[in-house]
Amino acid sequence: MFEGKSVRPRALRSEDVENHLRWRNDPKVVRWAAAGDPCFGPVTAEAIDRGFDTMLRLSPRESAVFTVEELAGGRVIGMADYRDLDPYAGVATLGVTIGEREFCSARIA
């Protein structure tokens, strides 16, 4: 796994579900993360639980979801994923959502 200067991705854990539920029900996070896509949020706790069961079992050859955490204290601040992986073309779609507003641009704070 790689690290940046202030954050790192790590494997998704079941205890991350509470953060995902909060972020995906925050209208500003939803707006900026997914252009207001109603599939991203708002969501119920039950939907997040079902989705987490799926995300924890994803095949890394196809897609994966990671937790983004701050290096300084290990605080969970967001999520990242890759999908639509085409190993022959060497391309994938990457998504990054920073759910903690103090780590985002001032325009969504």
N, C-alpha and C. Protein backbone atom coordinates (compact mmCIF):
# COMPACT_ATOMS: atom_id res chain seq x y z
N MET A 1 0.85 -1.17 0.00
CA MET A 1 0.00 0.00 0.00
C MET A 1 0.89 1.23 0.00
N PHE A 2 0.46 2.26 -0.64
CA PHE A 2 1.25 3.49 -0.71
C PHE A 2 0.72 4.51 0.31
N GLU A 3 1.53 5.52 0.57
CA GLU A 3 1.15 6.59 1.49
C GLU A 3 1.45 7.93 0.85
N GLY A 4 0.62 8.91 1.17
CA GLY A 4 0.89 10.27 0.77
C GLY A 4 1.62 10.98 1.90
N LYS A 5 1.72 12.29 1.82
CA LYS A 5 2.38 13.05 2.87
C LYS A 5 1.53 13.16 4.13
N SER A 6 0.21 13.11 3.97
CA SER A 6 -0.65 13.27 5.14
C SER A 6 -1.75 12.23 5.28
N VAL A 7 -1.97 11.41 4.24
CA VAL A 7 -3.01 10.38 4.30
C VAL A 7 -2.52 9.07 3.69
N ARG A 8 -3.26 8.02 3.99
CA ARG A 8 -2.98 6.71 3.39
C ARG A 8 -4.29 5.94 3.22
N PRO A 9 -4.37 5.11 2.20
CA PRO A 9 -5.52 4.21 2.10
C PRO A 9 -5.22 2.97 2.93
N ARG A 10 -6.25 2.36 3.44
CA ARG A 10 -6.11 1.08 4.12
C ARG A 10 -7.33 0.23 3.81
N ALA A 11 -7.24 -1.04 4.10
CA ALA A 11 -8.35 -1.95 3.84
C ALA A 11 -9.60 -1.50 4.59
N LEU A 12 -10.72 -1.66 3.94
CA LEU A 12 -12.01 -1.36 4.53
C LEU A 12 -12.25 -2.32 5.69
N ARG A 13 -12.80 -1.81 6.79
CA ARG A 13 -13.14 -2.63 7.97
C ARG A 13 -14.61 -2.43 8.29
N SER A 14 -15.20 -3.40 8.92
CA SER A 14 -16.63 -3.30 9.25
C SER A 14 -16.94 -2.11 10.14
N GLU A 15 -16.02 -1.69 10.99
CA GLU A 15 -16.28 -0.54 11.86
C GLU A 15 -16.30 0.78 11.10
N ASP A 16 -15.90 0.79 9.83
CA ASP A 16 -15.96 2.01 9.01
C ASP A 16 -17.38 2.35 8.58
N VAL A 17 -18.31 1.46 8.80
CA VAL A 17 -19.68 1.64 8.35
C VAL A 17 -20.31 2.92 8.91
N GLU A 18 -20.04 3.25 10.15
CA GLU A 18 -20.64 4.45 10.76
C GLU A 18 -20.22 5.72 10.02
N ASN A 19 -18.95 5.81 9.65
CA ASN A 19 -18.48 6.97 8.90
C ASN A 19 -19.15 7.05 7.53
N HIS A 20 -19.23 5.94 6.84
CA HIS A 20 -19.85 5.92 5.52
C HIS A 20 -21.31 6.36 5.61
N LEU A 21 -22.02 5.90 6.62
CA LEU A 21 -23.41 6.29 6.79
C LEU A 21 -23.52 7.79 7.00
N ARG A 22 -22.67 8.36 7.84
CA ARG A 22 -22.70 9.80 8.10
C ARG A 22 -22.37 10.59 6.83
N TRP A 23 -21.32 10.20 6.13
CA TRP A 23 -20.92 10.94 4.93
C TRP A 23 -21.98 10.87 3.84
N ARG A 24 -22.54 9.69 3.65
CA ARG A 24 -23.50 9.52 2.55
C ARG A 24 -24.87 10.12 2.86
N ASN A 25 -25.03 10.62 4.07
CA ASN A 25 -26.24 11.35 4.43
C ASN A 25 -25.96 12.83 4.66
N ASP A 26 -24.77 13.26 4.33
CA ASP A 26 -24.41 14.68 4.41
C ASP A 26 -24.65 15.27 3.01
N PRO A 27 -25.63 16.15 2.86
CA PRO A 27 -25.98 16.66 1.52
C PRO A 27 -24.81 17.29 0.77
N LYS A 28 -23.93 17.98 1.47
CA LYS A 28 -22.80 18.62 0.78
C LYS A 28 -21.78 17.57 0.32
N VAL A 29 -21.54 16.56 1.11
CA VAL A 29 -20.63 15.49 0.69
C VAL A 29 -21.21 14.77 -0.52
N VAL A 30 -22.50 14.46 -0.46
CA VAL A 30 -23.16 13.78 -1.59
C VAL A 30 -23.06 14.63 -2.85
N ARG A 31 -23.32 15.92 -2.71
CA ARG A 31 -23.29 16.80 -3.88
C ARG A 31 -21.92 16.80 -4.54
N TRP A 32 -20.87 16.94 -3.74
CA TRP A 32 -19.53 17.04 -4.30
C TRP A 32 -18.93 15.69 -4.66
N ALA A 33 -19.31 14.65 -3.95
CA ALA A 33 -18.73 13.33 -4.22
C ALA A 33 -19.33 12.67 -5.45
N ALA A 34 -20.61 12.87 -5.65
CA ALA A 34 -21.27 12.14 -6.72
C ALA A 34 -22.21 13.01 -7.54
N ALA A 35 -21.94 14.31 -7.54
CA ALA A 35 -22.77 15.26 -8.30
C ALA A 35 -24.25 15.11 -7.96
N GLY A 36 -24.52 14.78 -6.69
CA GLY A 36 -25.90 14.64 -6.26
C GLY A 36 -26.58 13.36 -6.70
N ASP A 37 -25.82 12.38 -7.14
CA ASP A 37 -26.37 11.09 -7.59
C ASP A 37 -27.20 10.48 -6.46
N PRO A 38 -28.49 10.24 -6.68
CA PRO A 38 -29.33 9.69 -5.62
C PRO A 38 -28.93 8.28 -5.19
N CYS A 39 -28.14 7.59 -5.98
CA CYS A 39 -27.66 6.26 -5.58
C CYS A 39 -26.58 6.37 -4.49
N PHE A 40 -25.91 7.51 -4.42
CA PHE A 40 -24.85 7.70 -3.41
C PHE A 40 -25.46 8.08 -2.07
N GLY A 41 -26.47 8.90 -2.08
CA GLY A 41 -27.06 9.30 -0.82
C GLY A 41 -28.23 10.22 -1.05
N PRO A 42 -29.06 10.41 -0.06
CA PRO A 42 -29.00 9.80 1.27
C PRO A 42 -29.37 8.33 1.23
N VAL A 43 -28.89 7.61 2.25
CA VAL A 43 -29.11 6.17 2.34
C VAL A 43 -29.48 5.80 3.77
N THR A 44 -30.12 4.66 3.91
CA THR A 44 -30.49 4.16 5.23
C THR A 44 -29.35 3.33 5.82
N ALA A 45 -29.39 3.13 7.11
CA ALA A 45 -28.39 2.29 7.78
C ALA A 45 -28.45 0.86 7.23
N GLU A 46 -29.64 0.38 6.93
CA GLU A 46 -29.79 -0.97 6.39
C GLU A 46 -29.14 -1.09 5.01
N ALA A 47 -29.31 -0.07 4.18
CA ALA A 47 -28.69 -0.09 2.85
C ALA A 47 -27.17 -0.06 2.97
N ILE A 48 -26.66 0.74 3.88
CA ILE A 48 -25.21 0.79 4.08
C ILE A 48 -24.70 -0.56 4.57
N ASP A 49 -25.41 -1.18 5.50
CA ASP A 49 -25.00 -2.50 6.01
C ASP A 49 -24.94 -3.52 4.89
N ARG A 50 -25.96 -3.55 4.03
CA ARG A 50 -25.96 -4.48 2.89
C ARG A 50 -24.81 -4.17 1.94
N GLY A 51 -24.61 -2.89 1.67
CA GLY A 51 -23.52 -2.49 0.78
C GLY A 51 -22.15 -2.85 1.35
N PHE A 52 -22.01 -2.70 2.66
CA PHE A 52 -20.73 -3.03 3.28
C PHE A 52 -20.43 -4.52 3.18
N ASP A 53 -21.45 -5.35 3.37
CA ASP A 53 -21.23 -6.78 3.21
C ASP A 53 -20.67 -7.08 1.82
N THR A 54 -21.21 -6.41 0.82
CA THR A 54 -20.72 -6.59 -0.56
C THR A 54 -19.31 -6.03 -0.72
N MET A 55 -19.08 -4.81 -0.22
CA MET A 55 -17.77 -4.18 -0.38
C MET A 55 -16.65 -4.98 0.29
N LEU A 56 -16.95 -5.59 1.44
CA LEU A 56 -15.93 -6.36 2.14
C LEU A 56 -15.56 -7.65 1.40
N ARG A 57 -16.40 -8.08 0.46
CA ARG A 57 -16.14 -9.31 -0.29
C ARG A 57 -15.75 -9.07 -1.74
N LEU A 58 -15.50 -7.84 -2.13
CA LEU A 58 -15.13 -7.55 -3.52
C LEU A 58 -13.83 -8.26 -3.91
N SER A 59 -13.78 -8.70 -5.14
CA SER A 59 -12.55 -9.29 -5.67
C SER A 59 -11.63 -8.17 -6.13
N PRO A 60 -10.43 -8.07 -5.57
CA PRO A 60 -9.54 -6.97 -5.97
C PRO A 60 -9.14 -7.01 -7.44
N ARG A 61 -9.41 -8.10 -8.11
CA ARG A 61 -9.15 -8.16 -9.56
C ARG A 61 -10.18 -7.38 -10.34
N GLU A 62 -11.30 -7.02 -9.68
CA GLU A 62 -12.37 -6.31 -10.35
C GLU A 62 -12.61 -4.92 -9.78
N SER A 63 -12.63 -4.81 -8.46
CA SER A 63 -12.88 -3.52 -7.81
C SER A 63 -12.57 -3.66 -6.32
N ALA A 64 -12.44 -2.51 -5.66
CA ALA A 64 -12.18 -2.51 -4.22
C ALA A 64 -12.53 -1.15 -3.65
N VAL A 65 -12.83 -1.15 -2.36
CA VAL A 65 -13.10 0.08 -1.62
C VAL A 65 -12.10 0.14 -0.48
N PHE A 66 -11.51 1.30 -0.29
CA PHE A 66 -10.55 1.52 0.78
C PHE A 66 -11.03 2.64 1.70
N THR A 67 -10.49 2.65 2.90
CA THR A 67 -10.71 3.76 3.81
C THR A 67 -9.50 4.67 3.70
N VAL A 68 -9.74 5.98 3.70
CA VAL A 68 -8.65 6.95 3.69
C VAL A 68 -8.51 7.46 5.12
N GLU A 69 -7.30 7.34 5.65
CA GLU A 69 -7.07 7.81 7.01
C GLU A 69 -5.90 8.77 7.07
N GLU A 70 -5.99 9.66 8.03
CA GLU A 70 -4.95 10.65 8.27
C GLU A 70 -3.75 9.95 8.90
N LEU A 71 -2.55 10.26 8.42
CA LEU A 71 -1.34 9.65 8.97
C LEU A 71 -1.08 10.07 10.41
N ALA A 72 -1.32 11.33 10.72
CA ALA A 72 -0.95 11.87 12.03
C ALA A 72 -1.60 11.11 13.18
N GLY A 73 -2.87 10.76 13.06
CA GLY A 73 -3.54 10.10 14.17
C GLY A 73 -4.37 8.90 13.79
N GLY A 74 -4.36 8.55 12.52
CA GLY A 74 -5.14 7.41 12.07
C GLY A 74 -6.63 7.70 11.95
N ARG A 75 -7.01 8.97 12.01
CA ARG A 75 -8.42 9.34 11.90
C ARG A 75 -8.95 9.03 10.51
N VAL A 76 -10.10 8.41 10.44
CA VAL A 76 -10.76 8.08 9.17
C VAL A 76 -11.38 9.36 8.62
N ILE A 77 -10.99 9.72 7.39
CA ILE A 77 -11.48 10.97 6.80
C ILE A 77 -12.20 10.78 5.47
N GLY A 78 -12.15 9.60 4.89
CA GLY A 78 -12.81 9.42 3.61
C GLY A 78 -12.70 8.00 3.09
N MET A 79 -13.04 7.87 1.82
CA MET A 79 -13.00 6.57 1.17
C MET A 79 -12.48 6.73 -0.26
N ALA A 80 -11.96 5.65 -0.78
CA ALA A 80 -11.50 5.62 -2.16
C ALA A 80 -11.87 4.26 -2.75
N ASP A 81 -12.09 4.23 -4.04
CA ASP A 81 -12.41 2.96 -4.68
C ASP A 81 -11.88 2.96 -6.10
N TYR A 82 -11.71 1.76 -6.62
CA TYR A 82 -11.47 1.61 -8.05
C TYR A 82 -12.47 0.59 -8.58
N ARG A 83 -12.83 0.78 -9.85
CA ARG A 83 -13.82 -0.08 -10.50
C ARG A 83 -13.60 0.00 -12.01
N ASP A 84 -14.37 -0.74 -12.75
CA ASP A 84 -14.25 -0.77 -14.22
C ASP A 84 -12.81 -1.07 -14.64
N LEU A 85 -12.19 -1.97 -13.92
CA LEU A 85 -10.80 -2.32 -14.16
C LEU A 85 -10.65 -3.07 -15.48
N ASP A 86 -9.74 -2.61 -16.31
CA ASP A 86 -9.41 -3.29 -17.56
C ASP A 86 -7.90 -3.51 -17.56
N PRO A 87 -7.46 -4.67 -17.10
CA PRO A 87 -6.01 -4.91 -16.99
C PRO A 87 -5.30 -4.95 -18.34
N TYR A 88 -6.02 -5.25 -19.39
CA TYR A 88 -5.40 -5.30 -20.71
C TYR A 88 -5.11 -3.90 -21.24
N ALA A 89 -6.01 -2.98 -20.99
CA ALA A 89 -5.80 -1.60 -21.41
C ALA A 89 -5.03 -0.80 -20.35
N GLY A 90 -4.97 -1.35 -19.13
CA GLY A 90 -4.27 -0.66 -18.05
C GLY A 90 -5.03 0.55 -17.52
N VAL A 91 -6.37 0.44 -17.48
CA VAL A 91 -7.18 1.57 -17.01
C VAL A 91 -8.19 1.09 -15.97
N ALA A 92 -8.63 2.03 -15.15
CA ALA A 92 -9.69 1.79 -14.18
C ALA A 92 -10.30 3.15 -13.84
N THR A 93 -11.48 3.12 -13.26
CA THR A 93 -12.10 4.33 -12.75
C THR A 93 -11.77 4.42 -11.27
N LEU A 94 -11.31 5.58 -10.84
CA LEU A 94 -10.94 5.80 -9.45
C LEU A 94 -11.85 6.85 -8.85
N GLY A 95 -12.35 6.59 -7.67
CA GLY A 95 -13.18 7.55 -6.96
C GLY A 95 -12.60 7.82 -5.59
N VAL A 96 -12.58 9.07 -5.19
CA VAL A 96 -12.11 9.46 -3.86
C VAL A 96 -13.14 10.41 -3.26
N THR A 97 -13.57 10.11 -2.06
CA THR A 97 -14.51 10.97 -1.34
C THR A 97 -13.91 11.29 0.01
N ILE A 98 -13.72 12.57 0.28
CA ILE A 98 -13.28 13.01 1.60
C ILE A 98 -14.54 13.48 2.32
N GLY A 99 -14.94 12.74 3.34
CA GLY A 99 -16.18 13.01 4.02
C GLY A 99 -16.08 13.98 5.18
N GLU A 100 -14.89 14.13 5.73
CA GLU A 100 -14.71 15.05 6.85
C GLU A 100 -14.45 16.44 6.28
N ARG A 101 -15.34 17.35 6.56
CA ARG A 101 -15.31 18.67 5.92
C ARG A 101 -14.05 19.46 6.17
N GLU A 102 -13.43 19.31 7.33
CA GLU A 102 -12.22 20.10 7.59
C GLU A 102 -11.05 19.68 6.71
N PHE A 103 -11.17 18.55 6.02
CA PHE A 103 -10.12 18.10 5.11
C PHE A 103 -10.46 18.40 3.67
N CYS A 104 -11.58 19.07 3.44
CA CYS A 104 -12.03 19.40 2.09
C CYS A 104 -11.80 20.87 1.80
N SER A 105 -12.04 21.21 0.56
CA SER A 105 -11.97 22.60 0.14
C SER A 105 -12.96 23.44 0.95
N ALA A 106 -12.64 24.69 1.17
CA ALA A 106 -13.52 25.58 1.94
C ALA A 106 -14.89 25.75 1.29
N ARG A 107 -15.00 25.50 0.00
CA ARG A 107 -16.29 25.72 -0.66
C ARG A 107 -17.35 24.73 -0.24
N ILE A 108 -17.00 23.59 0.37
CA ILE A 108 -18.05 22.68 0.83
C ILE A 108 -18.16 22.66 2.34
N ALA A 109 -17.35 23.42 3.00
CA ALA A 109 -17.38 23.40 4.47
C ALA A 109 -18.66 23.97 5.02
